[in-house]
C-alpha atoms as a PDB file:
ATOM      1  CA  MET A   1     -14.002 -22.954 -21.622  1.00  0.00           C
ATOM      2  CA  LEU A   2     -10.697 -21.093 -20.982  1.00  0.00           C
ATOM      3  CA  ALA A   3      -8.861 -21.602 -17.713  1.00  0.00           C
ATOM      4  CA  HIS A   4      -8.154 -18.335 -15.982  1.00  0.00           C
ATOM      5  CA  PRO A   5      -4.652 -17.742 -14.581  1.00  0.00           C
ATOM      6  CA  TYR A   6      -5.886 -17.770 -10.994  1.00  0.00           C
ATOM      7  CA  CYS A   7      -7.518 -21.198 -11.085  1.00  0.00           C
ATOM      8  CA  ALA A   8      -6.123 -23.378  -8.308  1.00  0.00           C
ATOM      9  CA  ALA A   9      -3.651 -26.092  -9.243  1.00  0.00           C
ATOM     10  CA  THR A  10      -3.884 -29.482  -7.518  1.00  0.00           C
ATOM     11  CA  ASN A  11      -0.292 -30.643  -8.074  1.00  0.00           C
ATOM     12  CA  PRO A  12       2.164 -28.878  -5.677  1.00  0.00           C
ATOM     13  CA  GLN A  13       4.719 -28.220  -8.440  1.00  0.00           C
ATOM     14  CA  ASN A  14       2.012 -26.944 -10.772  1.00  0.00           C
ATOM     15  CA  TYR A  15       0.719 -24.740  -7.963  1.00  0.00           C
ATOM     16  CA  LEU A  16       4.195 -23.284  -7.375  1.00  0.00           C
ATOM     17  CA  THR A  17       4.646 -22.695 -11.102  1.00  0.00           C
ATOM     18  CA  HIS A  18       1.236 -21.065 -11.299  1.00  0.00           C
ATOM     19  CA  PHE A  19       1.951 -18.855  -8.272  1.00  0.00           C
ATOM     20  CA  MET A  20       5.348 -17.712  -9.604  1.00  0.00           C
ATOM     21  CA  ARG A  21       3.956 -17.032 -13.065  1.00  0.00           C
ATOM     22  CA  THR A  22       1.009 -14.960 -11.922  1.00  0.00           C
ATOM     23  CA  THR A  23       3.054 -13.026  -9.344  1.00  0.00           C
ATOM     24  CA  PHE A  24       5.817 -12.205 -11.826  1.00  0.00           C
ATOM     25  CA  HIS A  25       3.232 -11.152 -14.397  1.00  0.00           C
ATOM     26  CA  ALA A  26       1.529  -8.918 -11.848  1.00  0.00           C
ATOM     27  CA  MET A  27       4.827  -7.264 -10.843  1.00  0.00           C
ATOM     28  CA  VAL A  28       5.721  -6.341 -14.427  1.00  0.00           C
ATOM     29  CA  ASP A  29       2.218  -5.208 -15.290  1.00  0.00           C
ATOM     30  CA  PHE A  30       1.878  -3.222 -12.058  1.00  0.00           C
ATOM     31  CA  ASN A  31       4.959  -1.073 -12.664  1.00  0.00           C
ATOM     32  CA  SER A  32       3.879  -0.436 -16.221  1.00  0.00           C
ATOM     33  CA  HIS A  33       0.509   0.910 -15.097  1.00  0.00           C
ATOM     34  CA  LEU A  34       2.016   2.797 -12.147  1.00  0.00           C
ATOM     35  CA  PHE A  35       4.502   4.830 -14.176  1.00  0.00           C
ATOM     36  CA  LEU A  36       2.801   4.966 -17.574  1.00  0.00           C
ATOM     37  CA  GLY A  37      -0.891   4.903 -16.689  1.00  0.00           C
ATOM     38  CA  PRO A  38      -2.866   8.170 -16.687  1.00  0.00           C
ATOM     39  CA  ASP A  39      -4.569   7.357 -13.373  1.00  0.00           C
ATOM     40  CA  THR A  40      -1.307   7.927 -11.493  1.00  0.00           C
ATOM     41  CA  TYR A  41      -1.002  11.467 -12.793  1.00  0.00           C
ATOM     42  CA  ARG A  42      -4.696  12.231 -12.283  1.00  0.00           C
ATOM     43  CA  ILE A  43      -4.402  11.235  -8.626  1.00  0.00           C
ATOM     44  CA  LEU A  44      -1.201  13.257  -8.302  1.00  0.00           C
ATOM     45  CA  LEU A  45      -2.921  16.311  -9.753  1.00  0.00           C
ATOM     46  CA  CYS A  46      -6.087  15.949  -7.646  1.00  0.00           C
ATOM     47  CA  SER A  47      -4.188  15.385  -4.399  1.00  0.00           C
ATOM     48  CA  SER A  48      -1.831  18.353  -4.846  1.00  0.00           C
ATOM     49  CA  PRO A  49      -4.306  20.955  -3.471  1.00  0.00           C
ATOM     50  CA  PHE A  50      -4.943  18.798  -0.399  1.00  0.00           C
ATOM     51  CA  TYR A  51      -1.209  18.447   0.149  1.00  0.00           C
ATOM     52  CA  GLY A  52      -0.883  22.234  -0.114  1.00  0.00           C
ATOM     53  CA  MET A  53      -3.630  22.721   2.473  1.00  0.00           C
ATOM     54  CA  GLY A  54      -1.908  20.178   4.687  1.00  0.00           C
ATOM     55  CA  ARG A  55       1.294  22.199   4.564  1.00  0.00           C
ATOM     56  CA  ILE A  56      -0.645  25.257   5.717  1.00  0.00           C
ATOM     57  CA  VAL A  57      -2.115  23.504   8.767  1.00  0.00           C
ATOM     58  CA  ASP A  58       1.012  21.468   9.623  1.00  0.00           C
ATOM     59  CA  ALA A  59       2.401  23.971  12.155  1.00  0.00           C
ATOM     60  CA  PRO A  60      -0.821  24.791  14.060  1.00  0.00           C
ATOM     61  CA  THR A  61      -1.823  21.122  14.153  1.00  0.00           C
ATOM     62  CA  HIS A  62       1.587  20.144  15.469  1.00  0.00           C
ATOM     63  CA  ASN A  63       1.489  22.862  18.126  1.00  0.00           C
ATOM     64  CA  TYR A  64      -1.909  21.601  19.287  1.00  0.00           C
ATOM     65  CA  PHE A  65      -0.472  18.146  20.044  1.00  0.00           C
ATOM     66  CA  TYR A  66       2.996  19.214  21.235  1.00  0.00           C
ATOM     67  CA  ASP A  67       4.236  21.141  24.278  1.00  0.00           C
ATOM     68  CA  LYS A  68       7.375  22.975  23.169  1.00  0.00           C
ATOM     69  CA  LYS A  69       8.469  24.022  26.671  1.00  0.00           C
ATOM     70  CA  LYS A  70       8.282  20.522  28.128  1.00  0.00           C
ATOM     71  CA  HIS A  71       9.129  18.740  24.848  1.00  0.00           C
ATOM     72  CA  ARG A  72       6.373  16.211  25.086  1.00  0.00           C
ATOM     73  CA  ASN A  73       3.242  15.161  23.280  1.00  0.00           C
ATOM     74  CA  ILE A  74      -0.091  16.349  24.625  1.00  0.00           C
ATOM     75  CA  ARG A  75      -3.726  15.570  23.810  1.00  0.00           C
ATOM     76  CA  GLY A  76      -2.654  12.277  22.248  1.00  0.00           C
ATOM     77  CA  VAL A  77      -4.794   9.239  21.524  1.00  0.00           C
ATOM     78  CA  ALA A  78      -5.434   6.583  24.156  1.00  0.00           C
ATOM     79  CA  PRO A  79      -2.584   4.044  24.572  1.00  0.00           C
ATOM     80  CA  VAL A  80      -4.843   1.221  23.358  1.00  0.00           C
ATOM     81  CA  PHE A  81      -5.129   2.950  19.989  1.00  0.00           C
ATOM     82  CA  LYS A  82      -1.496   4.049  19.931  1.00  0.00           C
ATOM     83  CA  TYR A  83      -0.142   0.528  20.330  1.00  0.00           C
ATOM     84  CA  SER A  84      -2.782  -1.335  18.299  1.00  0.00           C
ATOM     85  CA  VAL A  85      -1.931   0.046  14.854  1.00  0.00           C
ATOM     86  CA  ASP A  86       1.161  -2.065  14.114  1.00  0.00           C
ATOM     87  CA  PRO A  87      -0.356  -5.398  15.294  1.00  0.00           C
ATOM     88  CA  LEU A  88      -3.546  -4.690  13.334  1.00  0.00           C
ATOM     89  CA  MET A  89      -1.443  -3.839  10.281  1.00  0.00           C
ATOM     90  CA  ALA A  90       0.370  -7.187  10.547  1.00  0.00           C
ATOM     91  CA  VAL A  91      -2.925  -9.074  10.907  1.00  0.00           C
ATOM     92  CA  GLY A  92      -4.347  -7.201   7.924  1.00  0.00           C
ATOM     93  CA  PHE A  93      -1.375  -7.993   5.687  1.00  0.00           C
ATOM     94  CA  THR A  94      -1.408 -11.667   6.651  1.00  0.00           C
ATOM     95  CA  THR A  95      -5.161 -12.046   6.132  1.00  0.00           C
ATOM     96  CA  LEU A  96      -5.329 -10.233   2.802  1.00  0.00           C
ATOM     97  CA  ILE A  97      -2.280 -12.005   1.358  1.00  0.00           C
ATOM     98  CA  GLY A  98      -3.628 -15.356   2.536  1.00  0.00           C
ATOM     99  CA  LEU A  99      -6.832 -14.927   0.541  1.00  0.00           C
ATOM    100  CA  GLN A 100      -5.059 -16.010  -2.652  1.00  0.00           C
ATOM    101  CA  PHE A 101      -4.387 -19.415  -1.076  1.00  0.00           C
ATOM    102  CA  PHE A 102      -7.647 -20.024   0.756  1.00  0.00           C
ATOM    103  CA  SER A 103     -10.403 -18.147  -1.082  1.00  0.00           C
ATOM    104  CA  HIS A 104     -12.612 -20.076  -3.508  1.00  0.00           C
ATOM    105  CA  ASP A 105     -13.466 -16.924  -5.443  1.00  0.00           C
ATOM    106  CA  GLU A 106     -11.321 -16.284  -8.515  1.00  0.00           C
ATOM    107  CA  HIS A 107     -11.658 -12.499  -8.306  1.00  0.00           C
ATOM    108  CA  THR A 108     -10.653 -12.449  -4.628  1.00  0.00           C
ATOM    109  CA  ARG A 109      -7.578 -14.561  -5.362  1.00  0.00           C
ATOM    110  CA  ALA A 110      -6.604 -12.192  -8.166  1.00  0.00           C
ATOM    111  CA  VAL A 111      -6.897  -9.154  -5.890  1.00  0.00           C
ATOM    112  CA  SER A 112      -4.851 -10.836  -3.162  1.00  0.00           C
ATOM    113  CA  ASN A 113      -2.121 -11.955  -5.571  1.00  0.00           C
ATOM    114  CA  THR A 114      -1.798  -8.490  -7.088  1.00  0.00           C
ATOM    115  CA  PHE A 115      -1.657  -6.950  -3.616  1.00  0.00           C
ATOM    116  CA  LEU A 116       1.254  -9.248  -2.752  1.00  0.00           C
ATOM    117  CA  ALA A 117       3.024  -8.448  -6.028  1.00  0.00           C
ATOM    118  CA  ALA A 118       2.790  -4.689  -5.414  1.00  0.00           C
ATOM    119  CA  LEU A 119       3.892  -4.701  -1.752  1.00  0.00           C
ATOM    120  CA  PRO A 120       7.669  -5.013  -2.366  1.00  0.00           C
ATOM    121  CA  PHE A 121       7.546  -1.980  -4.645  1.00  0.00           C
ATOM    122  CA  LEU A 122       5.563  -0.042  -2.032  1.00  0.00           C
ATOM    123  CA  TRP A 123       8.333  -0.585   0.519  1.00  0.00           C
ATOM    124  CA  ILE A 124      11.153   0.052  -1.982  1.00  0.00           C
ATOM    125  CA  TYR A 125       9.705   3.251  -3.450  1.00  0.00           C
ATOM    126  CA  LYS A 126       8.649   4.520  -0.028  1.00  0.00           C
ATOM    127  CA  ASP A 127      12.174   4.092   1.369  1.00  0.00           C
ATOM    128  CA  ILE A 128      13.704   5.796  -1.672  1.00  0.00           C
ATOM    129  CA  ILE A 129      11.431   8.819  -1.267  1.00  0.00           C
ATOM    130  CA  LYS A 130      12.105   8.988   2.485  1.00  0.00           C
ATOM    131  CA  GLU A 131      15.840   9.347   1.780  1.00  0.00           C
ATOM    132  CA  ILE A 132      15.266  12.702   0.037  1.00  0.00           C
ATOM    133  CA  PRO A 133      16.087  15.459   2.575  1.00  0.00           C
ATOM    134  CA  PHE A 134      13.697  18.380   2.084  1.00  0.00           C
ATOM    135  CA  LYS A 135      11.631  20.537   4.405  1.00  0.00           C
ATOM    136  CA  GLY A 136       8.405  18.628   3.848  1.00  0.00           C
ATOM    137  CA  SER A 137      10.119  15.424   4.969  1.00  0.00           C
ATOM    138  CA  LEU A 138      11.051  16.734   8.425  1.00  0.00           C
ATOM    139  CA  ARG A 139       9.515  14.751  11.256  1.00  0.00           C
ATOM    140  CA  PRO A 140       7.408  16.834  13.653  1.00  0.00           C
ATOM    141  CA  LYS A 141       9.033  17.311  17.038  1.00  0.00           C
ATOM    142  CA  ASN A 142       7.864  14.874  19.682  1.00  0.00           C
ATOM    143  CA  GLY A 143       8.967  13.333  22.929  1.00  0.00           C
ATOM    144  CA  CYS A 144      10.735  10.414  21.239  1.00  0.00           C
ATOM    145  CA  PHE A 145      13.286  12.628  19.446  1.00  0.00           C
ATOM    146  CA  SER A 146      15.934  15.059  20.619  1.00  0.00           C
ATOM    147  CA  PRO A 147      14.619  18.642  20.462  1.00  0.00           C
ATOM    148  CA  CYS A 148      18.042  19.831  19.225  1.00  0.00           C
ATOM    149  CA  LYS A 149      18.158  17.733  16.058  1.00  0.00           C
ATOM    150  CA  LYS A 150      16.283  17.571  12.773  1.00  0.00           C
ATOM    151  CA  TYR A 151      14.916  14.202  11.681  1.00  0.00           C
ATOM    152  CA  TYR A 152      14.029  13.517   8.070  1.00  0.00           C
ATOM    153  CA  GLY A 153      12.137  10.567   6.632  1.00  0.00           C
ATOM    154  CA  GLY A 154       8.599  11.645   7.470  1.00  0.00           C
ATOM    155  CA  PHE A 155       7.489  12.011   3.839  1.00  0.00           C
ATOM    156  CA  PRO A 156       5.398  10.096   3.033  1.00  0.00           C
ATOM    157  CA  SER A 157       3.615   8.454   5.954  1.00  0.00           C
ATOM    158  CA  GLY A 158       4.402   4.787   5.366  1.00  0.00           C
ATOM    159  CA  HIS A 159       1.537   3.502   7.503  1.00  0.00           C
ATOM    160  CA  MET A 160      -0.923   5.712   5.637  1.00  0.00           C
ATOM    161  CA  PHE A 161       0.537   4.580   2.326  1.00  0.00           C
ATOM    162  CA  GLU A 162      -0.036   0.934   3.233  1.00  0.00           C
ATOM    163  CA  VAL A 163      -3.486   1.187   4.784  1.00  0.00           C
ATOM    164  CA  VAL A 164      -4.949   3.395   2.034  1.00  0.00           C
ATOM    165  CA  PHE A 165      -3.546   0.989  -0.549  1.00  0.00           C
ATOM    166  CA  MET A 166      -5.314  -1.866   1.237  1.00  0.00           C
ATOM    167  CA  ALA A 167      -8.579  -0.007   1.723  1.00  0.00           C
ATOM    168  CA  SER A 168      -8.735   1.413  -1.808  1.00  0.00           C
ATOM    169  CA  LEU A 169      -7.835  -1.835  -3.563  1.00  0.00           C
ATOM    170  CA  PHE A 170      -9.900  -4.345  -1.606  1.00  0.00           C
ATOM    171  CA  GLY A 171     -12.763  -1.926  -0.994  1.00  0.00           C
ATOM    172  CA  ALA A 172     -13.113  -0.985  -4.674  1.00  0.00           C
ATOM    173  CA  GLU A 173     -12.714  -4.540  -5.952  1.00  0.00           C
ATOM    174  CA  LEU A 174     -14.515  -6.618  -3.319  1.00  0.00           C
ATOM    175  CA  GLY A 175     -17.136  -4.270  -1.895  1.00  0.00           C
ATOM    176  CA  ARG A 176     -18.247  -2.906   1.459  1.00  0.00           C
ATOM    177  CA  ASP A 177     -17.369  -6.032   3.489  1.00  0.00           C
ATOM    178  CA  TYR A 178     -13.762  -4.999   2.966  1.00  0.00           C
ATOM    179  CA  ALA A 179     -14.230  -1.267   2.434  1.00  0.00           C
ATOM    180  CA  ILE A 180     -15.888  -0.471   5.778  1.00  0.00           C
ATOM    181  CA  PRO A 181     -13.403  -2.115   8.203  1.00  0.00           C
ATOM    182  CA  LEU A 182     -10.371  -1.036   6.169  1.00  0.00           C
ATOM    183  CA  ALA A 183     -11.652   2.548   5.897  1.00  0.00           C
ATOM    184  CA  ALA A 184     -12.213   2.581   9.660  1.00  0.00           C
ATOM    185  CA  PHE A 185      -8.663   1.359  10.157  1.00  0.00           C
ATOM    186  CA  ALA A 186      -7.346   4.052   7.799  1.00  0.00           C
ATOM    187  CA  THR A 187      -9.159   6.638   9.919  1.00  0.00           C
ATOM    188  CA  LEU A 188      -7.508   5.272  13.061  1.00  0.00           C
ATOM    189  CA  VAL A 189      -4.068   5.449  11.406  1.00  0.00           C
ATOM    190  CA  THR A 190      -4.716   9.058  10.333  1.00  0.00           C
ATOM    191  CA  ILE A 191      -5.685  10.161  13.846  1.00  0.00           C
ATOM    192  CA  GLN A 192      -2.861   8.235  15.493  1.00  0.00           C
ATOM    193  CA  SER A 193      -0.171   9.508  13.105  1.00  0.00           C
ATOM    194  CA  VAL A 194      -1.029  13.170  13.667  1.00  0.00           C
ATOM    195  CA  ALA A 195      -2.034  13.027  17.332  1.00  0.00           C
ATOM    196  CA  ILE A 196       1.226  11.449  18.532  1.00  0.00           C
ATOM    197  CA  ASN A 197       3.298  13.691  16.209  1.00  0.00           C
ATOM    198  CA  ARG A 198       4.539  10.767  14.177  1.00  0.00           C
ATOM    199  CA  HIS A 199       3.767  12.646  10.961  1.00  0.00           C
ATOM    200  CA  THR A 200       2.519  16.026   9.855  1.00  0.00           C
ATOM    201  CA  THR A 201      -0.850  16.393   8.154  1.00  0.00           C
ATOM    202  CA  SER A 202       0.766  16.909   4.739  1.00  0.00           C
ATOM    203  CA  GLN A 203       2.840  13.738   5.145  1.00  0.00           C
ATOM    204  CA  VAL A 204      -0.332  11.776   5.881  1.00  0.00           C
ATOM    205  CA  VAL A 205      -1.983  13.253   2.777  1.00  0.00           C
ATOM    206  CA  ALA A 206       1.056  12.273   0.693  1.00  0.00           C
ATOM    207  CA  GLY A 207       0.893   8.702   2.000  1.00  0.00           C
ATOM    208  CA  ALA A 208      -2.817   8.492   1.174  1.00  0.00           C
ATOM    209  CA  ALA A 209      -2.234   9.797  -2.362  1.00  0.00           C
ATOM    210  CA  LEU A 210       0.486   7.222  -3.005  1.00  0.00           C
ATOM    211  CA  GLY A 211      -1.774   4.482  -1.661  1.00  0.00           C
ATOM    212  CA  CYS A 212      -4.469   5.517  -4.135  1.00  0.00           C
ATOM    213  CA  MET A 213      -1.917   5.470  -6.989  1.00  0.00           C
ATOM    214  CA  PHE A 214      -0.873   1.936  -6.082  1.00  0.00           C
ATOM    215  CA  ALA A 215      -4.501   0.821  -5.842  1.00  0.00           C
ATOM    216  CA  ALA A 216      -5.353   2.299  -9.256  1.00  0.00           C
ATOM    217  CA  ALA A 217      -2.391   0.560 -10.911  1.00  0.00           C
ATOM    218  CA  SER A 218      -3.235  -2.720  -9.146  1.00  0.00           C
ATOM    219  CA  ARG A 219      -6.837  -2.624 -10.349  1.00  0.00           C
ATOM    220  CA  LYS A 220      -5.600  -2.346 -13.932  1.00  0.00           C
ATOM    221  CA  VAL A 221      -3.418  -5.404 -13.353  1.00  0.00           C
ATOM    222  CA  ILE A 222      -6.334  -7.413 -11.966  1.00  0.00           C
ATOM    223  CA  HIS A 223      -8.676  -6.642 -14.829  1.00  0.00           C
ATOM    224  CA  HIS A 224      -5.962  -7.317 -17.395  1.00  0.00           C
ATOM    225  CA  ALA A 225      -5.024 -10.625 -15.747  1.00  0.00           C
ATOM    226  CA  LEU A 226      -8.598 -11.888 -15.636  1.00  0.00           C
ATOM    227  CA  TYR A 227      -9.697 -10.888 -19.104  1.00  0.00           C
ATOM    228  CA  SER A 228      -6.583 -10.693 -21.333  1.00  0.00           C
ATOM    229  CA  ASN A 229      -5.683 -13.606 -23.621  1.00  0.00           C
ATOM    230  CA  ASN A 230      -1.928 -12.991 -23.266  1.00  0.00           C
ATOM    231  CA  ARG A 231      -0.086 -14.742 -20.429  1.00  0.00           C
ATOM    232  CA  TYR A 232       3.599 -14.386 -19.587  1.00  0.00           C
ATOM    233  CA  GLY A 233       5.607 -14.995 -16.475  1.00  0.00           C
ATOM    234  CA  ILE A 234       8.213 -17.161 -14.790  1.00  0.00           C
ATOM    235  CA  SER A 235       7.829 -20.852 -14.041  1.00  0.00           C
ATOM    236  CA  VAL A 236       9.824 -23.847 -12.777  1.00  0.00           C
ATOM    237  CA  SER A 237      11.073 -26.436 -15.252  1.00  0.00           C
ATOM    238  CA  GLY A 238      11.211 -30.164 -14.572  1.00  0.00           C
ATOM    239  CA  SER A 239      14.823 -29.847 -13.422  1.00  0.00           C
ATOM    240  CA  GLY A 240      13.860 -27.159 -10.910  1.00  0.00           C
ATOM    241  CA  SER A 241      15.390 -24.208 -12.751  1.00  0.00           C
ATOM    242  CA  PRO A 242      13.363 -21.048 -13.478  1.00  0.00           C
ATOM    243  CA  ARG A 243      12.245 -20.257 -17.015  1.00  0.00           C
ATOM    244  CA  PHE A 244      10.284 -17.470 -18.699  1.00  0.00           C
ATOM    245  CA  THR A 245       7.020 -18.374 -20.374  1.00  0.00           C
ATOM    246  CA  TYR A 246       4.536 -16.814 -22.780  1.00  0.00           C
ATOM    247  CA  GLU A 247       1.212 -18.137 -24.022  1.00  0.00           C
ATOM    248  CA  ARG A 248      -1.830 -16.870 -25.865  1.00  0.00           C
ATOM    249  CA  LEU A 249      -5.264 -18.302 -25.172  1.00  0.00           C
ATOM    250  CA  PHE A 250      -7.927 -18.624 -27.873  1.00  0.00           C
END
């Protein structure tokens, strides 16, 4: 019987080698599917109309939650919801990443490892996009910013990007036990982002679309890792130096 790449290793050095190899493999494979896979462009095409509708409702939605004369937010969410998003996000990241070390299910470990491998690229690509100064990236006016200045960096919503990536990936791969709580959390992030004028509606839609793109690419990585006979990655040699590896299972 073939040993899958996500089988736990008992020796600490073998475990480190295994972890580095599978993570490196997932990083390479993920970017390949993200930029070359058709799912990315299907999601981009399908989400474009929703982004366009978001742009139409951006101004009236913003005006509903913002008092221009007093320069303050109005009709916002309760403070308990406003200040719970970031701590819940941190708990979610820690729990989902930790599954690859503590779960006894091979599929769950594969999902968790791929999630970890994709996260650095989420933060890198998100920050690159946020540096582009265009009208759709303008932050909505709110009480935390000066009313006399323009603030860019709102496109896309980073929180929405992250939570939709989590919900789409773990929900689709591991079922409703993950889908329901993560979808509920995504709903909370959506309401909080718009209601406190952290993002416009279109910026939230953009973040959700990017999260779906990352989830689609990650799912390809998972299925390829579990069922492909080709293995490549980076490991640690006996002297402690890194080395690239390739193997084919029969």
